[in-house]
Amino acid sequence: MGTHIEAAAARPRVEGEREEQILYAALDVLGDVGYDRLTMDAVAARAKASKATLYRRWNGKVALVIDAILLLKAAPAAPDTGSLRGDLLASFCGVGGLTDHRTVDSFSSVLTAITRDPEFAEAFRRDVLGPKQEVALHIFVRARERGEIGPDVDLDLLAHALAGITLHRLYVLGERLDEALIARVIDQIILPAATAGSSARPTTDR
């Protein structure tokens, strides 16, 4: 691997449209065979590029796959609809959210790697999950500032609850996620939990 890295440093980096083509090829291979069986050779063949071309930009498949997944997940921004319910729906539905089938499929393809490959797991949690978690926590902090969440509610625990419940239904129960399901979880579980034991009342946008 060291020779590939050294050679890559001496050559121009792959950028722009060609980089995007390779990343989409990586997503295609990822969807076909999963992370464990994905190889740089397979991605190069799918992208009609040489393996050396890939190594000009990425030092291995961890970096390549992370960048490919990030291609589907633009840097998240915290929505500001004026209510906790609205912010959660905006964050979890649509492009890059849990109702975006290509995003969910890419996540499904790397599930085993998250549990078996420490290097990939670290990069995935830092670069892919990390920004999403920061946005989720910010949504709940802002809702507390608006008076929608009680002062004693554990925000770190609550901020992860919606993803945990919906992903359980997807991967364990085999349900396909849609906006209606996510809205039910928000209305029946997240919002009641946010106001439990306090006089806070969630703002709804129904």
C-alpha atoms as a PDB file:
ATOM      1  CA  MET A   1       0.000   0.000   0.000  1.00  0.00           C
ATOM      2  CA  GLY A   2       2.887   2.370   0.771  1.00  0.00           C
ATOM      3  CA  THR A   3       4.093   2.349  -2.846  1.00  0.00           C
ATOM      4  CA  HIS A   4       0.613   3.347  -4.019  1.00  0.00           C
ATOM      5  CA  ILE A   5       0.535   6.275  -1.576  1.00  0.00           C
ATOM      6  CA  GLU A   6       4.005   7.460  -2.583  1.00  0.00           C
ATOM      7  CA  ALA A   7       3.157   7.212  -6.274  1.00  0.00           C
ATOM      8  CA  ALA A   8      -0.097   9.081  -5.737  1.00  0.00           C
ATOM      9  CA  ALA A   9       1.713  11.966  -4.072  1.00  0.00           C
ATOM     10  CA  ALA A  10       3.829  12.465  -7.198  1.00  0.00           C
ATOM     11  CA  ARG A  11       0.879  12.631  -9.614  1.00  0.00           C
ATOM     12  CA  PRO A  12      -1.925  15.188 -10.143  1.00  0.00           C
ATOM     13  CA  ARG A  13      -5.061  14.520  -8.124  1.00  0.00           C
ATOM     14  CA  VAL A  14      -8.260  13.345  -9.766  1.00  0.00           C
ATOM     15  CA  GLU A  15     -10.790  16.162  -9.536  1.00  0.00           C
ATOM     16  CA  GLY A  16     -14.064  17.492 -10.871  1.00  0.00           C
ATOM     17  CA  GLU A  17     -16.303  15.474 -13.155  1.00  0.00           C
ATOM     18  CA  ARG A  18     -13.889  12.549 -13.382  1.00  0.00           C
ATOM     19  CA  GLU A  19     -13.766  12.277  -9.593  1.00  0.00           C
ATOM     20  CA  GLU A  20     -17.564  12.234  -9.465  1.00  0.00           C
ATOM     21  CA  GLN A  21     -17.725   9.509 -12.124  1.00  0.00           C
ATOM     22  CA  ILE A  22     -15.403   7.325 -10.075  1.00  0.00           C
ATOM     23  CA  LEU A  23     -17.394   7.935  -6.890  1.00  0.00           C
ATOM     24  CA  TYR A  24     -20.646   6.944  -8.593  1.00  0.00           C
ATOM     25  CA  ALA A  25     -18.897   3.835  -9.907  1.00  0.00           C
ATOM     26  CA  ALA A  26     -17.855   3.057  -6.333  1.00  0.00           C
ATOM     27  CA  LEU A  27     -21.477   3.417  -5.210  1.00  0.00           C
ATOM     28  CA  ASP A  28     -22.578   1.041  -7.947  1.00  0.00           C
ATOM     29  CA  VAL A  29     -20.014  -1.567  -6.926  1.00  0.00           C
ATOM     30  CA  LEU A  30     -20.869  -1.026  -3.265  1.00  0.00           C
ATOM     31  CA  GLY A  31     -24.526  -1.683  -4.027  1.00  0.00           C
ATOM     32  CA  ASP A  32     -23.705  -4.797  -6.043  1.00  0.00           C
ATOM     33  CA  VAL A  33     -21.271  -6.565  -3.723  1.00  0.00           C
ATOM     34  CA  GLY A  34     -21.154  -4.672  -0.409  1.00  0.00           C
ATOM     35  CA  TYR A  35     -18.153  -3.107   1.286  1.00  0.00           C
ATOM     36  CA  ASP A  36     -16.406  -6.331   2.237  1.00  0.00           C
ATOM     37  CA  ARG A  37     -16.092  -7.528  -1.370  1.00  0.00           C
ATOM     38  CA  LEU A  38     -15.495  -4.128  -2.956  1.00  0.00           C
ATOM     39  CA  THR A  39     -12.011  -3.712  -4.413  1.00  0.00           C
ATOM     40  CA  MET A  40     -10.181  -0.845  -6.042  1.00  0.00           C
ATOM     41  CA  ASP A  41      -9.830  -3.023  -9.146  1.00  0.00           C
ATOM     42  CA  ALA A  42     -13.599  -3.489  -9.375  1.00  0.00           C
ATOM     43  CA  VAL A  43     -14.269   0.236  -9.020  1.00  0.00           C
ATOM     44  CA  ALA A  44     -11.601   1.052 -11.602  1.00  0.00           C
ATOM     45  CA  ALA A  45     -13.180  -1.388 -14.058  1.00  0.00           C
ATOM     46  CA  ARG A  46     -16.674   0.033 -13.465  1.00  0.00           C
ATOM     47  CA  ALA A  47     -15.375   3.594 -13.916  1.00  0.00           C
ATOM     48  CA  LYS A  48     -13.338   2.586 -16.985  1.00  0.00           C
ATOM     49  CA  ALA A  49     -10.227   3.903 -15.286  1.00  0.00           C
ATOM     50  CA  SER A  50      -6.898   2.451 -14.261  1.00  0.00           C
ATOM     51  CA  LYS A  51      -6.278   1.521 -10.655  1.00  0.00           C
ATOM     52  CA  ALA A  52      -3.422   4.037 -10.688  1.00  0.00           C
ATOM     53  CA  THR A  53      -5.965   6.764 -11.456  1.00  0.00           C
ATOM     54  CA  LEU A  54      -7.867   5.882  -8.300  1.00  0.00           C
ATOM     55  CA  TYR A  55      -4.705   5.955  -6.218  1.00  0.00           C
ATOM     56  CA  ARG A  56      -3.991   9.479  -7.413  1.00  0.00           C
ATOM     57  CA  ARG A  57      -6.928  10.566  -5.280  1.00  0.00           C
ATOM     58  CA  TRP A  58      -7.566   7.861  -2.658  1.00  0.00           C
ATOM     59  CA  ASN A  59      -5.067   5.758  -0.701  1.00  0.00           C
ATOM     60  CA  GLY A  60      -7.464   2.805  -0.378  1.00  0.00           C
ATOM     61  CA  LYS A  61     -11.061   1.721  -0.314  1.00  0.00           C
ATOM     62  CA  VAL A  62     -11.864   3.232   3.098  1.00  0.00           C
ATOM     63  CA  ALA A  63     -11.243   6.763   1.800  1.00  0.00           C
ATOM     64  CA  LEU A  64     -12.898   5.988  -1.546  1.00  0.00           C
ATOM     65  CA  VAL A  65     -16.089   4.563  -0.051  1.00  0.00           C
ATOM     66  CA  ILE A  66     -16.403   7.337   2.541  1.00  0.00           C
ATOM     67  CA  ASP A  67     -16.140   9.967  -0.204  1.00  0.00           C
ATOM     68  CA  ALA A  68     -18.665   8.050  -2.310  1.00  0.00           C
ATOM     69  CA  ILE A  69     -21.180   7.981   0.546  1.00  0.00           C
ATOM     70  CA  LEU A  70     -20.590  11.677   1.209  1.00  0.00           C
ATOM     71  CA  LEU A  71     -21.429  12.329  -2.453  1.00  0.00           C
ATOM     72  CA  LEU A  72     -24.999  11.343  -1.555  1.00  0.00           C
ATOM     73  CA  LYS A  73     -24.961  13.270   1.704  1.00  0.00           C
ATOM     74  CA  ALA A  74     -24.245  16.921   1.170  1.00  0.00           C
ATOM     75  CA  ALA A  75     -22.997  18.696   4.279  1.00  0.00           C
ATOM     76  CA  PRO A  76     -26.135  18.754   6.412  1.00  0.00           C
ATOM     77  CA  ALA A  77     -27.654  22.010   7.567  1.00  0.00           C
ATOM     78  CA  ALA A  78     -30.022  22.260  10.488  1.00  0.00           C
ATOM     79  CA  PRO A  79     -33.487  23.124   9.143  1.00  0.00           C
ATOM     80  CA  ASP A  80     -35.310  25.980  10.855  1.00  0.00           C
ATOM     81  CA  THR A  81     -39.057  25.513  10.395  1.00  0.00           C
ATOM     82  CA  GLY A  82     -39.991  27.031  13.732  1.00  0.00           C
ATOM     83  CA  SER A  83     -40.959  23.761  15.433  1.00  0.00           C
ATOM     84  CA  LEU A  84     -39.273  20.585  16.606  1.00  0.00           C
ATOM     85  CA  ARG A  85     -41.703  18.484  14.578  1.00  0.00           C
ATOM     86  CA  GLY A  86     -41.069  20.440  11.400  1.00  0.00           C
ATOM     87  CA  ASP A  87     -37.300  20.400  11.862  1.00  0.00           C
ATOM     88  CA  LEU A  88     -37.258  16.621  12.384  1.00  0.00           C
ATOM     89  CA  LEU A  89     -39.400  15.962   9.323  1.00  0.00           C
ATOM     90  CA  ALA A  90     -37.196  18.226   7.209  1.00  0.00           C
ATOM     91  CA  SER A  91     -34.016  16.596   8.493  1.00  0.00           C
ATOM     92  CA  PHE A  92     -35.073  12.950   8.228  1.00  0.00           C
ATOM     93  CA  CYS A  93     -37.115  13.064   5.012  1.00  0.00           C
ATOM     94  CA  GLY A  94     -36.040  13.934   1.486  1.00  0.00           C
ATOM     95  CA  VAL A  95     -32.617  13.834  -0.163  1.00  0.00           C
ATOM     96  CA  GLY A  96     -29.956  12.464   2.180  1.00  0.00           C
ATOM     97  CA  GLY A  97     -32.523  11.476   4.793  1.00  0.00           C
ATOM     98  CA  LEU A  98     -33.997   8.151   5.821  1.00  0.00           C
ATOM     99  CA  THR A  99     -36.615   8.257   3.058  1.00  0.00           C
ATOM    100  CA  ASP A 100     -33.906   8.626   0.390  1.00  0.00           C
ATOM    101  CA  HIS A 101     -33.638   5.042  -0.846  1.00  0.00           C
ATOM    102  CA  ARG A 102     -30.186   5.387  -2.409  1.00  0.00           C
ATOM    103  CA  THR A 103     -28.782   6.836   0.803  1.00  0.00           C
ATOM    104  CA  VAL A 104     -30.348   4.050   2.863  1.00  0.00           C
ATOM    105  CA  ASP A 105     -29.103   1.421   0.414  1.00  0.00           C
ATOM    106  CA  SER A 106     -25.545   2.737   0.680  1.00  0.00           C
ATOM    107  CA  PHE A 107     -25.790   2.556   4.467  1.00  0.00           C
ATOM    108  CA  SER A 108     -27.069  -1.012   4.237  1.00  0.00           C
ATOM    109  CA  SER A 109     -24.041  -1.947   2.141  1.00  0.00           C
ATOM    110  CA  VAL A 110     -21.588  -0.896   4.851  1.00  0.00           C
ATOM    111  CA  LEU A 111     -23.343  -2.223   7.956  1.00  0.00           C
ATOM    112  CA  THR A 112     -21.065  -5.233   8.337  1.00  0.00           C
ATOM    113  CA  ALA A 113     -17.975  -3.092   7.800  1.00  0.00           C
ATOM    114  CA  ILE A 114     -19.012  -0.812  10.671  1.00  0.00           C
ATOM    115  CA  THR A 115     -18.916  -3.788  13.029  1.00  0.00           C
ATOM    116  CA  ARG A 116     -15.912  -5.627  11.542  1.00  0.00           C
ATOM    117  CA  ASP A 117     -13.505  -3.023  10.150  1.00  0.00           C
ATOM    118  CA  PRO A 118     -12.258  -0.602  12.840  1.00  0.00           C
ATOM    119  CA  GLU A 119     -10.568   1.714  10.332  1.00  0.00           C
ATOM    120  CA  PHE A 120     -13.710   2.062   8.237  1.00  0.00           C
ATOM    121  CA  ALA A 121     -15.946   2.351  11.312  1.00  0.00           C
ATOM    122  CA  GLU A 122     -13.861   5.211  12.689  1.00  0.00           C
ATOM    123  CA  ALA A 123     -13.950   7.104   9.381  1.00  0.00           C
ATOM    124  CA  PHE A 124     -17.671   6.471   8.891  1.00  0.00           C
ATOM    125  CA  ARG A 125     -18.609   7.641  12.377  1.00  0.00           C
ATOM    126  CA  ARG A 126     -16.395  10.715  12.116  1.00  0.00           C
ATOM    127  CA  ASP A 127     -17.100  11.868   8.544  1.00  0.00           C
ATOM    128  CA  VAL A 128     -20.592  10.550   7.776  1.00  0.00           C
ATOM    129  CA  LEU A 129     -22.440  10.157  11.070  1.00  0.00           C
ATOM    130  CA  GLY A 130     -20.670  12.929  12.975  1.00  0.00           C
ATOM    131  CA  PRO A 131     -22.111  15.894  11.041  1.00  0.00           C
ATOM    132  CA  LYS A 132     -25.597  14.340  11.094  1.00  0.00           C
ATOM    133  CA  GLN A 133     -25.421  13.858  14.857  1.00  0.00           C
ATOM    134  CA  GLU A 134     -24.351  17.461  15.367  1.00  0.00           C
ATOM    135  CA  VAL A 135     -27.334  18.669  13.339  1.00  0.00           C
ATOM    136  CA  ALA A 136     -29.736  16.421  15.262  1.00  0.00           C
ATOM    137  CA  LEU A 137     -28.458  17.676  18.616  1.00  0.00           C
ATOM    138  CA  HIS A 138     -28.662  21.289  17.429  1.00  0.00           C
ATOM    139  CA  ILE A 139     -32.331  20.760  16.476  1.00  0.00           C
ATOM    140  CA  PHE A 140     -33.143  19.617  20.007  1.00  0.00           C
ATOM    141  CA  VAL A 141     -31.082  22.333  21.690  1.00  0.00           C
ATOM    142  CA  ARG A 142     -32.909  24.984  19.683  1.00  0.00           C
ATOM    143  CA  ALA A 143     -36.273  23.362  20.506  1.00  0.00           C
ATOM    144  CA  ARG A 144     -35.421  23.585  24.202  1.00  0.00           C
ATOM    145  CA  GLU A 145     -34.597  27.268  23.767  1.00  0.00           C
ATOM    146  CA  ARG A 146     -38.052  27.733  22.209  1.00  0.00           C
ATOM    147  CA  GLY A 147     -39.626  26.045  25.233  1.00  0.00           C
ATOM    148  CA  GLU A 148     -40.678  22.863  23.434  1.00  0.00           C
ATOM    149  CA  ILE A 149     -38.534  20.534  25.556  1.00  0.00           C
ATOM    150  CA  GLY A 150     -38.485  20.199  29.309  1.00  0.00           C
ATOM    151  CA  PRO A 151     -35.329  21.226  31.190  1.00  0.00           C
ATOM    152  CA  ASP A 152     -34.713  17.724  32.588  1.00  0.00           C
ATOM    153  CA  VAL A 153     -34.878  15.829  29.284  1.00  0.00           C
ATOM    154  CA  ASP A 154     -31.599  14.165  28.246  1.00  0.00           C
ATOM    155  CA  LEU A 155     -31.046  15.777  24.849  1.00  0.00           C
ATOM    156  CA  ASP A 156     -28.186  13.491  23.849  1.00  0.00           C
ATOM    157  CA  LEU A 157     -30.406  10.470  24.438  1.00  0.00           C
ATOM    158  CA  LEU A 158     -33.456  11.966  22.736  1.00  0.00           C
ATOM    159  CA  ALA A 159     -31.533  13.264  19.715  1.00  0.00           C
ATOM    160  CA  HIS A 160     -30.600   9.696  18.721  1.00  0.00           C
ATOM    161  CA  ALA A 161     -34.000   8.142  19.390  1.00  0.00           C
ATOM    162  CA  LEU A 162     -35.713   8.856  16.060  1.00  0.00           C
ATOM    163  CA  ALA A 163     -32.905   7.328  13.986  1.00  0.00           C
ATOM    164  CA  GLY A 164     -32.664   4.355  16.345  1.00  0.00           C
ATOM    165  CA  ILE A 165     -36.373   3.553  16.188  1.00  0.00           C
ATOM    166  CA  THR A 166     -36.728   3.975  12.432  1.00  0.00           C
ATOM    167  CA  LEU A 167     -33.559   2.039  11.580  1.00  0.00           C
ATOM    168  CA  HIS A 168     -34.740  -0.794  13.846  1.00  0.00           C
ATOM    169  CA  ARG A 169     -37.964  -0.958  11.860  1.00  0.00           C
ATOM    170  CA  LEU A 170     -35.986  -0.928   8.607  1.00  0.00           C
ATOM    171  CA  TYR A 171     -33.284  -3.492   9.377  1.00  0.00           C
ATOM    172  CA  VAL A 172     -34.910  -5.700  11.998  1.00  0.00           C
ATOM    173  CA  LEU A 173     -38.576  -5.585  11.034  1.00  0.00           C
ATOM    174  CA  GLY A 174     -37.989  -5.199   7.297  1.00  0.00           C
ATOM    175  CA  GLU A 175     -40.185  -2.132   6.774  1.00  0.00           C
ATOM    176  CA  ARG A 176     -39.461   0.446   4.102  1.00  0.00           C
ATOM    177  CA  LEU A 177     -39.241   3.909   5.590  1.00  0.00           C
ATOM    178  CA  ASP A 178     -41.483   6.709   4.398  1.00  0.00           C
ATOM    179  CA  GLU A 179     -42.501  10.125   5.666  1.00  0.00           C
ATOM    180  CA  ALA A 180     -45.738   8.820   7.187  1.00  0.00           C
ATOM    181  CA  LEU A 181     -43.883   6.330   9.389  1.00  0.00           C
ATOM    182  CA  ILE A 182     -41.336   8.915  10.481  1.00  0.00           C
ATOM    183  CA  ALA A 183     -44.146  11.346  11.313  1.00  0.00           C
ATOM    184  CA  ARG A 184     -45.865   8.677  13.444  1.00  0.00           C
ATOM    185  CA  VAL A 185     -42.694   8.067  15.434  1.00  0.00           C
ATOM    186  CA  ILE A 186     -42.225  11.812  15.937  1.00  0.00           C
ATOM    187  CA  ASP A 187     -45.835  12.385  17.022  1.00  0.00           C
ATOM    188  CA  GLN A 188     -46.296   9.316  19.205  1.00  0.00           C
ATOM    189  CA  ILE A 189     -42.821   8.872  20.725  1.00  0.00           C
ATOM    190  CA  ILE A 190     -40.399  11.782  20.231  1.00  0.00           C
ATOM    191  CA  LEU A 191     -42.677  14.727  21.013  1.00  0.00           C
ATOM    192  CA  PRO A 192     -44.291  13.103  24.082  1.00  0.00           C
ATOM    193  CA  ALA A 193     -40.824  12.178  25.376  1.00  0.00           C
ATOM    194  CA  ALA A 194     -39.624  15.744  24.796  1.00  0.00           C
ATOM    195  CA  THR A 195     -42.312  17.125  27.096  1.00  0.00           C
ATOM    196  CA  ALA A 196     -42.452  14.310  29.657  1.00  0.00           C
ATOM    197  CA  GLY A 197     -42.586  15.504  33.258  1.00  0.00           C
ATOM    198  CA  SER A 198     -42.715  19.199  32.385  1.00  0.00           C
ATOM    199  CA  SER A 199     -45.061  21.962  31.317  1.00  0.00           C
ATOM    200  CA  ALA A 200     -43.331  22.281  27.937  1.00  0.00           C
ATOM    201  CA  ARG A 201     -45.573  21.819  24.942  1.00  0.00           C
ATOM    202  CA  PRO A 202     -44.338  20.932  21.449  1.00  0.00           C
ATOM    203  CA  THR A 203     -45.148  23.275  18.624  1.00  0.00           C
ATOM    204  CA  THR A 204     -46.918  21.424  15.819  1.00  0.00           C
ATOM    205  CA  ASP A 205     -47.191  22.384  12.187  1.00  0.00           C
ATOM    206  CA  ARG A 206     -49.990  20.080  11.154  1.00  0.00           C
END
